[in-house]
Amino acid sequence: MSLSSSELKASIIEYDSNASVQKSMDRLQTAWQCCGFDSYQDYEFNNLFKCSAKGERACGVPPSCCITIEGHFPKLSCGYNVRRNLTMDPQASSYVYTEGCTPHLRSLLVLRLDIVGMVGLGSSIPQIIGFLLGYYFIRRVEEYHVWYRVGAIGSSMSTSS
C-alpha cells in the first residue's frame, strides 16, 4: 500500500469482522467512488475476499465497490468473484470501481491543509506555554533554594560569633 500505514491495511483485514470498520469503509468507498486504498486488489488482504478463500465472496470486493446507476443500487452479489473476472473480462470494470481511495484522501488533506496546520499549531501552543511556565517555576524554586541556603549560612554565622 502506498500510504504504508498499517491502519489502512488493518481496516481492509478487519472489514468483515468489525462492523464499524465495515460501515466506515462502505461509506468512504461509496462517497468517493473508489475501492480499497490503492486499488480494488487490496481486498486480497482480507480472508473473506482472498482468491484462495472458499465461498461466493472469494476473489471479490464488497458491494460498496460496485458502481451505482442513478438511484439503482447494485445487487449484493455484484462484487463476487470480480477480481478474477477483471483479469479475464475488462468489461467487469464497468460495474466495479477499480481505483483506490488514496488519491481522494490525499486531495482532501491538501484541500484542508490550512485546517490541519491550525490544529497542529493550536495543540502545540499550550504545550510550549506549559514548558515555559515549568521552566520559570524551576528557576524560581532554584532561586529560593539559593536564598534559603544563603540565609541559613548567614544566620548560623551570626549566631556563632
Foldseek 3Di string as FASTA:
>chain_A
DVVPDVVLLVLLQCCPPDPVSVVVQLVLCLVVLADRAAWVVSNCSYQQANCPHDDQNHVFGAQSQFDDDDPRRDDRSLGTNLNVVCVVPVCSCVTGHTGHCNVVVVVVCVVCVVVVVVVVVVVVVVVVVVVVVVVVVVVVVVVVVVVVVVVVVVVVVVVVD
